[in-house]
Amino acid sequence: MATVEETLEFLPQTDCAQCGMTCREFAEFLVSGDLKPEDCPVLHEPDYMGFIDALNELLGPAVADKTETGHVIDEKKCIGCGVCIYVCEYNTANCMELYSGRAPRNSDTVVLRVENGCIKIVRPDLCTRMTQAADKCAKCMDHCPTGAIVIS
C-alpha cells in the first residue's frame, strides 16, 4: 500500500486548490481510495504528463478502480466466469435470463456484466449495498473463485 508521502512525490505540490484542497489532503484521499489521480486538474497539464499513470501504478488496482459501492475489481485476477452475476441479489431477483442458466442480455438491467472478459459494475445505483439495508450484501466477493472482487 502506498503512503501519503510516496503519493505526494507524484503530485504538483503547489497547493493550488483547483481540486478544492491541498496536495497533502488530495494524497490522503488517493491513498484511501476516495479519489483517483485523474481528479487532479493540474495533472492533466503537459508538464505533468505520465504522473497519472505513475500514481495509478503506485496506488495499485485496489485504489485506482474503487467504485462508489465500495467494490474493487482487480482485472488481472478476473477470469470473466460470471459467478458474481449469478449470485448478485439484484440480478437474481430481476433478470429472468439467469433462471435459464444464461447470461443477461444487453437489454437486461443488471448490476454486474462481463465486458471484454472482465466483470464490470454497470449499474451501481441498483446494487443492494447502496440501500439502507442493515446487512450489506457481499455475495459477489464471497463467491468469486479468484478473489478478484474486494469490497472495502
N, C-alpha and C. Protein backbone atom coordinates (compact mmCIF):
# COMPACT_ATOMS: atom_id res chain seq x y z
N MET A 1 0.84 -1.18 0.00
CA MET A 1 0.00 0.00 0.00
C MET A 1 0.88 1.24 0.00
N ALA A 2 0.55 2.16 -0.87
CA ALA A 2 1.32 3.40 -0.97
C ALA A 2 1.06 4.29 0.23
N THR A 3 2.05 5.07 0.59
CA THR A 3 1.90 6.03 1.68
C THR A 3 1.56 7.41 1.12
N VAL A 4 1.14 8.30 1.98
CA VAL A 4 0.84 9.67 1.57
C VAL A 4 2.10 10.33 1.04
N GLU A 5 3.23 10.09 1.70
CA GLU A 5 4.49 10.71 1.27
C GLU A 5 4.90 10.22 -0.12
N GLU A 6 4.77 8.92 -0.38
CA GLU A 6 5.10 8.38 -1.71
C GLU A 6 4.18 8.98 -2.77
N THR A 7 2.92 9.13 -2.43
CA THR A 7 1.94 9.66 -3.36
C THR A 7 2.21 11.14 -3.64
N LEU A 8 2.61 11.88 -2.62
CA LEU A 8 2.91 13.31 -2.78
C LEU A 8 4.01 13.57 -3.80
N GLU A 9 4.94 12.62 -3.94
CA GLU A 9 6.04 12.79 -4.89
C GLU A 9 5.55 12.93 -6.33
N PHE A 10 4.34 12.42 -6.62
CA PHE A 10 3.80 12.47 -7.97
C PHE A 10 2.68 13.51 -8.12
N LEU A 11 2.55 14.38 -7.13
CA LEU A 11 1.58 15.47 -7.19
C LEU A 11 2.32 16.78 -7.38
N PRO A 12 1.67 17.81 -7.92
CA PRO A 12 2.34 19.09 -8.20
C PRO A 12 2.94 19.77 -6.96
N GLN A 13 2.35 19.55 -5.80
CA GLN A 13 2.78 20.14 -4.54
C GLN A 13 2.78 21.67 -4.59
N THR A 14 1.79 22.21 -5.32
CA THR A 14 1.64 23.66 -5.41
C THR A 14 0.51 24.15 -4.52
N ASP A 15 -0.30 23.23 -4.00
CA ASP A 15 -1.47 23.59 -3.19
C ASP A 15 -2.33 24.64 -3.88
N CYS A 16 -2.54 24.45 -5.17
CA CYS A 16 -3.30 25.40 -5.99
C CYS A 16 -4.79 25.41 -5.65
N ALA A 17 -5.28 24.36 -5.02
CA ALA A 17 -6.68 24.22 -4.60
C ALA A 17 -7.66 24.13 -5.76
N GLN A 18 -7.18 23.81 -6.96
CA GLN A 18 -8.10 23.63 -8.09
C GLN A 18 -9.04 22.44 -7.84
N CYS A 19 -8.58 21.49 -7.04
CA CYS A 19 -9.41 20.33 -6.69
C CYS A 19 -10.19 20.59 -5.40
N GLY A 20 -9.94 21.74 -4.77
CA GLY A 20 -10.65 22.10 -3.55
C GLY A 20 -9.90 21.77 -2.28
N MET A 21 -8.62 21.38 -2.41
CA MET A 21 -7.85 21.01 -1.22
C MET A 21 -6.36 21.17 -1.48
N THR A 22 -5.57 20.94 -0.45
CA THR A 22 -4.11 20.96 -0.62
C THR A 22 -3.66 19.65 -1.24
N CYS A 23 -2.43 19.62 -1.72
CA CYS A 23 -1.89 18.40 -2.32
C CYS A 23 -1.79 17.27 -1.28
N ARG A 24 -1.45 17.60 -0.04
CA ARG A 24 -1.38 16.57 1.01
C ARG A 24 -2.76 15.97 1.27
N GLU A 25 -3.77 16.82 1.36
CA GLU A 25 -5.14 16.32 1.56
C GLU A 25 -5.56 15.44 0.38
N PHE A 26 -5.23 15.90 -0.82
CA PHE A 26 -5.56 15.12 -2.02
C PHE A 26 -4.87 13.76 -1.97
N ALA A 27 -3.60 13.75 -1.55
CA ALA A 27 -2.84 12.49 -1.45
C ALA A 27 -3.49 11.55 -0.44
N GLU A 28 -3.99 12.08 0.65
CA GLU A 28 -4.67 11.25 1.66
C GLU A 28 -5.91 10.59 1.06
N PHE A 29 -6.66 11.35 0.26
CA PHE A 29 -7.84 10.79 -0.40
C PHE A 29 -7.45 9.76 -1.46
N LEU A 30 -6.32 9.97 -2.12
CA LEU A 30 -5.85 8.97 -3.09
C LEU A 30 -5.52 7.66 -2.40
N VAL A 31 -4.79 7.75 -1.30
CA VAL A 31 -4.38 6.54 -0.57
C VAL A 31 -5.59 5.81 -0.01
N SER A 32 -6.60 6.54 0.42
CA SER A 32 -7.80 5.89 0.97
C SER A 32 -8.69 5.32 -0.12
N GLY A 33 -8.46 5.75 -1.37
CA GLY A 33 -9.27 5.25 -2.47
C GLY A 33 -10.50 6.08 -2.75
N ASP A 34 -10.65 7.20 -2.06
CA ASP A 34 -11.83 8.03 -2.26
C ASP A 34 -11.72 8.96 -3.47
N LEU A 35 -10.51 9.16 -3.97
CA LEU A 35 -10.28 9.94 -5.18
C LEU A 35 -9.35 9.16 -6.09
N LYS A 36 -9.34 9.55 -7.36
CA LYS A 36 -8.44 8.95 -8.35
C LYS A 36 -7.47 10.02 -8.82
N PRO A 37 -6.29 9.63 -9.29
CA PRO A 37 -5.34 10.62 -9.80
C PRO A 37 -5.93 11.54 -10.86
N GLU A 38 -6.85 11.01 -11.65
CA GLU A 38 -7.48 11.80 -12.71
C GLU A 38 -8.29 12.97 -12.15
N ASP A 39 -8.59 12.96 -10.87
CA ASP A 39 -9.37 14.03 -10.25
C ASP A 39 -8.55 15.29 -9.99
N CYS A 40 -7.25 15.23 -10.18
CA CYS A 40 -6.39 16.41 -10.01
C CYS A 40 -6.31 17.13 -11.36
N PRO A 41 -6.87 18.34 -11.47
CA PRO A 41 -6.86 19.06 -12.75
C PRO A 41 -5.45 19.37 -13.25
N VAL A 42 -4.53 19.66 -12.36
CA VAL A 42 -3.18 20.04 -12.74
C VAL A 42 -2.43 18.88 -13.40
N LEU A 43 -2.71 17.66 -12.99
CA LEU A 43 -2.01 16.50 -13.57
C LEU A 43 -2.35 16.28 -15.04
N HIS A 44 -3.36 16.98 -15.54
CA HIS A 44 -3.72 16.88 -16.95
C HIS A 44 -2.93 17.86 -17.81
N GLU A 45 -2.13 18.72 -17.18
CA GLU A 45 -1.31 19.68 -17.91
C GLU A 45 -0.07 18.99 -18.48
N PRO A 46 0.47 19.49 -19.61
CA PRO A 46 1.62 18.84 -20.26
C PRO A 46 2.85 18.67 -19.35
N ASP A 47 3.06 19.58 -18.42
CA ASP A 47 4.22 19.48 -17.53
C ASP A 47 4.17 18.24 -16.64
N TYR A 48 3.01 17.67 -16.47
CA TYR A 48 2.85 16.52 -15.57
C TYR A 48 2.47 15.24 -16.32
N MET A 49 2.81 15.20 -17.60
CA MET A 49 2.49 14.03 -18.41
C MET A 49 3.12 12.78 -17.79
N GLY A 50 2.34 11.74 -17.67
CA GLY A 50 2.82 10.48 -17.12
C GLY A 50 2.61 10.33 -15.61
N PHE A 51 2.29 11.42 -14.94
CA PHE A 51 2.12 11.36 -13.49
C PHE A 51 0.87 10.57 -13.10
N ILE A 52 -0.20 10.70 -13.88
CA ILE A 52 -1.43 9.96 -13.58
C ILE A 52 -1.17 8.47 -13.68
N ASP A 53 -0.48 8.05 -14.74
CA ASP A 53 -0.15 6.63 -14.90
C ASP A 53 0.75 6.14 -13.77
N ALA A 54 1.72 6.96 -13.40
CA ALA A 54 2.62 6.59 -12.31
C ALA A 54 1.87 6.44 -10.99
N LEU A 55 0.94 7.34 -10.73
CA LEU A 55 0.14 7.25 -9.50
C LEU A 55 -0.76 6.02 -9.51
N ASN A 56 -1.39 5.75 -10.65
CA ASN A 56 -2.23 4.56 -10.73
C ASN A 56 -1.42 3.30 -10.50
N GLU A 57 -0.21 3.27 -11.00
CA GLU A 57 0.66 2.10 -10.77
C GLU A 57 1.08 2.01 -9.31
N LEU A 58 1.43 3.14 -8.72
CA LEU A 58 1.84 3.17 -7.31
C LEU A 58 0.69 2.76 -6.40
N LEU A 59 -0.50 3.27 -6.67
CA LEU A 59 -1.65 3.01 -5.81
C LEU A 59 -2.21 1.61 -6.02
N GLY A 60 -2.01 1.05 -7.20
CA GLY A 60 -2.49 -0.29 -7.49
C GLY A 60 -3.96 -0.30 -7.83
N PRO A 61 -4.45 -1.42 -8.31
CA PRO A 61 -5.84 -1.51 -8.76
C PRO A 61 -6.85 -1.32 -7.64
N ALA A 62 -6.48 -1.67 -6.43
CA ALA A 62 -7.43 -1.56 -5.33
C ALA A 62 -7.86 -0.13 -5.10
N VAL A 63 -6.99 0.83 -5.36
CA VAL A 63 -7.36 2.22 -5.18
C VAL A 63 -7.82 2.83 -6.50
N ALA A 64 -7.15 2.48 -7.57
CA ALA A 64 -7.47 3.08 -8.85
C ALA A 64 -8.85 2.71 -9.34
N ASP A 65 -9.38 1.56 -8.96
CA ASP A 65 -10.64 1.08 -9.51
C ASP A 65 -11.76 0.98 -8.50
N LYS A 66 -11.67 1.63 -7.38
CA LYS A 66 -12.72 1.56 -6.38
C LYS A 66 -14.00 2.21 -6.90
N THR A 67 -15.13 1.54 -6.71
CA THR A 67 -16.41 2.08 -7.17
C THR A 67 -17.14 2.73 -6.02
N GLU A 68 -18.21 3.43 -6.34
CA GLU A 68 -18.99 4.09 -5.28
C GLU A 68 -19.65 3.10 -4.34
N THR A 69 -19.80 1.84 -4.77
CA THR A 69 -20.39 0.82 -3.91
C THR A 69 -19.35 0.20 -2.98
N GLY A 70 -18.09 0.57 -3.17
CA GLY A 70 -17.02 0.00 -2.35
C GLY A 70 -16.35 -1.19 -3.00
N HIS A 71 -16.84 -1.61 -4.17
CA HIS A 71 -16.24 -2.74 -4.88
C HIS A 71 -14.90 -2.34 -5.48
N VAL A 72 -13.95 -3.24 -5.39
CA VAL A 72 -12.68 -3.09 -6.07
C VAL A 72 -12.52 -4.34 -6.92
N ILE A 73 -12.38 -4.15 -8.22
CA ILE A 73 -12.26 -5.28 -9.14
C ILE A 73 -10.86 -5.28 -9.72
N ASP A 74 -10.13 -6.34 -9.44
CA ASP A 74 -8.78 -6.50 -9.96
C ASP A 74 -8.88 -7.22 -11.30
N GLU A 75 -8.73 -6.46 -12.37
CA GLU A 75 -8.89 -7.01 -13.72
C GLU A 75 -7.84 -8.08 -14.03
N LYS A 76 -6.72 -8.05 -13.35
CA LYS A 76 -5.69 -9.07 -13.59
C LYS A 76 -6.11 -10.42 -13.02
N LYS A 77 -6.94 -10.41 -11.99
CA LYS A 77 -7.40 -11.66 -11.38
C LYS A 77 -8.71 -12.16 -11.99
N CYS A 78 -9.53 -11.25 -12.50
CA CYS A 78 -10.85 -11.62 -13.02
C CYS A 78 -10.71 -12.48 -14.27
N ILE A 79 -11.41 -13.61 -14.29
CA ILE A 79 -11.39 -14.50 -15.45
C ILE A 79 -12.69 -14.43 -16.24
N GLY A 80 -13.59 -13.55 -15.84
CA GLY A 80 -14.84 -13.36 -16.55
C GLY A 80 -15.80 -14.52 -16.47
N CYS A 81 -15.71 -15.30 -15.39
CA CYS A 81 -16.54 -16.50 -15.26
C CYS A 81 -18.02 -16.19 -15.06
N GLY A 82 -18.34 -15.02 -14.49
CA GLY A 82 -19.73 -14.62 -14.31
C GLY A 82 -20.41 -15.15 -13.07
N VAL A 83 -19.68 -15.81 -12.19
CA VAL A 83 -20.30 -16.32 -10.96
C VAL A 83 -20.94 -15.18 -10.19
N CYS A 84 -20.28 -14.04 -10.13
CA CYS A 84 -20.80 -12.90 -9.39
C CYS A 84 -22.13 -12.42 -9.96
N ILE A 85 -22.31 -12.54 -11.26
CA ILE A 85 -23.57 -12.14 -11.89
C ILE A 85 -24.72 -13.00 -11.37
N TYR A 86 -24.44 -14.29 -11.21
CA TYR A 86 -25.49 -15.23 -10.80
C TYR A 86 -25.81 -15.17 -9.30
N VAL A 87 -24.88 -14.67 -8.48
CA VAL A 87 -25.15 -14.60 -7.05
C VAL A 87 -25.60 -13.21 -6.60
N CYS A 88 -25.53 -12.24 -7.49
CA CYS A 88 -25.94 -10.86 -7.17
C CYS A 88 -27.43 -10.85 -6.81
N GLU A 89 -27.76 -10.30 -5.65
CA GLU A 89 -29.14 -10.28 -5.18
C GLU A 89 -30.07 -9.54 -6.15
N TYR A 90 -29.64 -8.39 -6.64
CA TYR A 90 -30.49 -7.65 -7.58
C TYR A 90 -30.68 -8.44 -8.86
N ASN A 91 -29.58 -8.96 -9.42
CA ASN A 91 -29.66 -9.69 -10.68
C ASN A 91 -30.60 -10.88 -10.58
N THR A 92 -30.46 -11.68 -9.52
CA THR A 92 -31.28 -12.88 -9.40
C THR A 92 -32.76 -12.55 -9.21
N ALA A 93 -33.04 -11.40 -8.62
CA ALA A 93 -34.44 -11.01 -8.41
C ALA A 93 -35.07 -10.37 -9.64
N ASN A 94 -34.24 -9.87 -10.55
CA ASN A 94 -34.79 -9.06 -11.64
C ASN A 94 -34.43 -9.48 -13.06
N CYS A 95 -33.60 -10.49 -13.22
CA CYS A 95 -33.18 -10.90 -14.57
C CYS A 95 -33.64 -12.33 -14.84
N MET A 96 -34.63 -12.47 -15.69
CA MET A 96 -35.20 -13.79 -15.99
C MET A 96 -34.21 -14.69 -16.73
N GLU A 97 -33.27 -14.14 -17.47
CA GLU A 97 -32.29 -14.95 -18.20
C GLU A 97 -31.47 -15.82 -17.24
N LEU A 98 -31.20 -15.33 -16.06
CA LEU A 98 -30.40 -16.08 -15.09
C LEU A 98 -31.09 -17.37 -14.67
N TYR A 99 -32.43 -17.36 -14.64
CA TYR A 99 -33.18 -18.56 -14.26
C TYR A 99 -33.00 -19.68 -15.29
N SER A 100 -32.67 -19.30 -16.52
CA SER A 100 -32.48 -20.28 -17.59
C SER A 100 -31.02 -20.70 -17.72
N GLY A 101 -30.18 -20.19 -16.84
CA GLY A 101 -28.76 -20.53 -16.90
C GLY A 101 -28.00 -19.76 -17.96
N ARG A 102 -28.60 -18.68 -18.45
CA ARG A 102 -27.96 -17.86 -19.48
C ARG A 102 -27.46 -16.56 -18.88
N ALA A 103 -26.57 -15.94 -19.59
CA ALA A 103 -26.08 -14.62 -19.18
C ALA A 103 -27.13 -13.57 -19.50
N PRO A 104 -27.09 -12.46 -18.80
CA PRO A 104 -28.04 -11.38 -19.09
C PRO A 104 -27.87 -10.88 -20.53
N ARG A 105 -28.97 -10.51 -21.15
CA ARG A 105 -28.91 -9.90 -22.47
C ARG A 105 -28.45 -8.46 -22.31
N ASN A 106 -28.00 -7.85 -23.39
CA ASN A 106 -27.56 -6.46 -23.34
C ASN A 106 -28.70 -5.53 -22.92
N SER A 107 -29.92 -5.91 -23.22
CA SER A 107 -31.07 -5.07 -22.87
C SER A 107 -31.53 -5.25 -21.42
N ASP A 108 -31.02 -6.27 -20.73
CA ASP A 108 -31.41 -6.51 -19.34
C ASP A 108 -30.75 -5.49 -18.41
N THR A 109 -31.52 -5.03 -17.43
CA THR A 109 -30.99 -4.11 -16.43
C THR A 109 -30.40 -4.94 -15.30
N VAL A 110 -29.07 -4.90 -15.18
CA VAL A 110 -28.36 -5.68 -14.16
C VAL A 110 -27.30 -4.80 -13.51
N VAL A 111 -26.84 -5.23 -12.34
CA VAL A 111 -25.78 -4.51 -11.63
C VAL A 111 -24.43 -4.84 -12.25
N LEU A 112 -24.19 -6.13 -12.48
CA LEU A 112 -22.90 -6.62 -12.97
C LEU A 112 -23.05 -7.19 -14.37
N ARG A 113 -22.00 -7.05 -15.17
CA ARG A 113 -21.98 -7.60 -16.52
C ARG A 113 -20.53 -7.89 -16.90
N VAL A 114 -20.30 -8.95 -17.65
CA VAL A 114 -18.97 -9.24 -18.17
C VAL A 114 -18.79 -8.44 -19.45
N GLU A 115 -17.75 -7.62 -19.48
CA GLU A 115 -17.42 -6.82 -20.66
C GLU A 115 -15.95 -7.03 -20.98
N ASN A 116 -15.67 -7.42 -22.19
CA ASN A 116 -14.29 -7.67 -22.63
C ASN A 116 -13.58 -8.65 -21.71
N GLY A 117 -14.30 -9.68 -21.27
CA GLY A 117 -13.70 -10.73 -20.47
C GLY A 117 -13.49 -10.41 -19.01
N CYS A 118 -14.03 -9.29 -18.54
CA CYS A 118 -13.86 -8.89 -17.14
C CYS A 118 -15.18 -8.34 -16.60
N ILE A 119 -15.41 -8.58 -15.33
CA ILE A 119 -16.64 -8.11 -14.71
C ILE A 119 -16.61 -6.59 -14.54
N LYS A 120 -17.74 -5.96 -14.76
CA LYS A 120 -17.88 -4.51 -14.58
C LYS A 120 -19.17 -4.26 -13.81
N ILE A 121 -19.16 -3.24 -12.99
CA ILE A 121 -20.38 -2.80 -12.33
C ILE A 121 -20.97 -1.75 -13.25
N VAL A 122 -22.08 -2.10 -13.89
CA VAL A 122 -22.67 -1.22 -14.89
C VAL A 122 -23.80 -0.36 -14.33
N ARG A 123 -24.42 -0.78 -13.24
CA ARG A 123 -25.48 -0.01 -12.59
C ARG A 123 -25.26 -0.02 -11.08
N PRO A 124 -24.28 0.74 -10.59
CA PRO A 124 -24.01 0.74 -9.15
C PRO A 124 -25.20 1.21 -8.32
N ASP A 125 -26.05 2.03 -8.90
CA ASP A 125 -27.21 2.54 -8.17
C ASP A 125 -28.20 1.43 -7.82
N LEU A 126 -28.13 0.29 -8.52
CA LEU A 126 -29.04 -0.82 -8.25
C LEU A 126 -28.47 -1.84 -7.26
N CYS A 127 -27.19 -1.72 -6.95
CA CYS A 127 -26.54 -2.65 -6.03
C CYS A 127 -27.19 -2.53 -4.65
N THR A 128 -27.48 -3.66 -4.04
CA THR A 128 -28.13 -3.63 -2.72
C THR A 128 -27.23 -2.99 -1.66
N ARG A 129 -25.95 -2.86 -1.93
CA ARG A 129 -25.06 -2.17 -0.99
C ARG A 129 -25.39 -0.68 -0.90
N MET A 130 -26.09 -0.17 -1.88
CA MET A 130 -26.42 1.25 -1.91
C MET A 130 -27.73 1.55 -1.17
N THR A 131 -28.41 0.53 -0.68
CA THR A 131 -29.66 0.73 0.04
C THR A 131 -29.39 0.90 1.53
N GLN A 132 -30.41 1.18 2.27
CA GLN A 132 -30.30 1.39 3.71
C GLN A 132 -30.34 0.07 4.48
N ALA A 133 -30.24 -1.06 3.80
CA ALA A 133 -30.35 -2.36 4.45
C ALA A 133 -29.31 -2.52 5.57
N ALA A 134 -29.71 -3.17 6.63
CA ALA A 134 -28.81 -3.38 7.77
C ALA A 134 -27.66 -4.31 7.40
N ASP A 135 -27.96 -5.37 6.65
CA ASP A 135 -26.93 -6.31 6.24
C ASP A 135 -26.52 -5.99 4.81
N LYS A 136 -25.28 -5.64 4.64
CA LYS A 136 -24.79 -5.30 3.31
C LYS A 136 -24.36 -6.56 2.58
N CYS A 137 -24.88 -6.74 1.40
CA CYS A 137 -24.58 -7.92 0.58
C CYS A 137 -23.11 -7.91 0.19
N ALA A 138 -22.51 -9.07 0.16
CA ALA A 138 -21.14 -9.24 -0.32
C ALA A 138 -21.01 -10.57 -1.07
N LYS A 139 -22.13 -11.03 -1.63
CA LYS A 139 -22.13 -12.34 -2.28
C LYS A 139 -21.17 -12.39 -3.46
N CYS A 140 -21.06 -11.32 -4.22
CA CYS A 140 -20.15 -11.33 -5.37
C CYS A 140 -18.71 -11.56 -4.91
N MET A 141 -18.32 -10.91 -3.83
CA MET A 141 -16.98 -11.09 -3.29
C MET A 141 -16.82 -12.49 -2.69
N ASP A 142 -17.81 -12.92 -1.93
CA ASP A 142 -17.73 -14.21 -1.25
C ASP A 142 -17.64 -15.38 -2.22
N HIS A 143 -18.25 -15.27 -3.40
CA HIS A 143 -18.29 -16.38 -4.34
C HIS A 143 -17.28 -16.26 -5.48
N CYS A 144 -16.53 -15.18 -5.54
CA CYS A 144 -15.56 -15.00 -6.63
C CYS A 144 -14.45 -16.05 -6.48
N PRO A 145 -14.28 -16.93 -7.46
CA PRO A 145 -13.31 -18.01 -7.33
C PRO A 145 -11.85 -17.55 -7.38
N THR A 146 -11.59 -16.37 -7.90
CA THR A 146 -10.19 -15.90 -8.00
C THR A 146 -9.87 -14.78 -7.02
N GLY A 147 -10.86 -14.31 -6.25
CA GLY A 147 -10.61 -13.21 -5.31
C GLY A 147 -10.45 -11.88 -6.01
N ALA A 148 -11.01 -11.75 -7.21
CA ALA A 148 -10.87 -10.52 -7.99
C ALA A 148 -11.73 -9.38 -7.45
N ILE A 149 -12.75 -9.71 -6.65
CA ILE A 149 -13.64 -8.67 -6.12
C ILE A 149 -13.40 -8.54 -4.62
N VAL A 150 -13.14 -7.31 -4.22
CA VAL A 150 -12.97 -6.99 -2.80
C VAL A 150 -13.90 -5.82 -2.51
N ILE A 151 -14.57 -5.87 -1.40
CA ILE A 151 -15.44 -4.76 -1.01
C ILE A 151 -14.85 -4.11 0.22
N SER A 152 -14.60 -2.81 0.09
CA SER A 152 -13.99 -2.08 1.22
C SER A 152 -15.00 -1.17 1.87
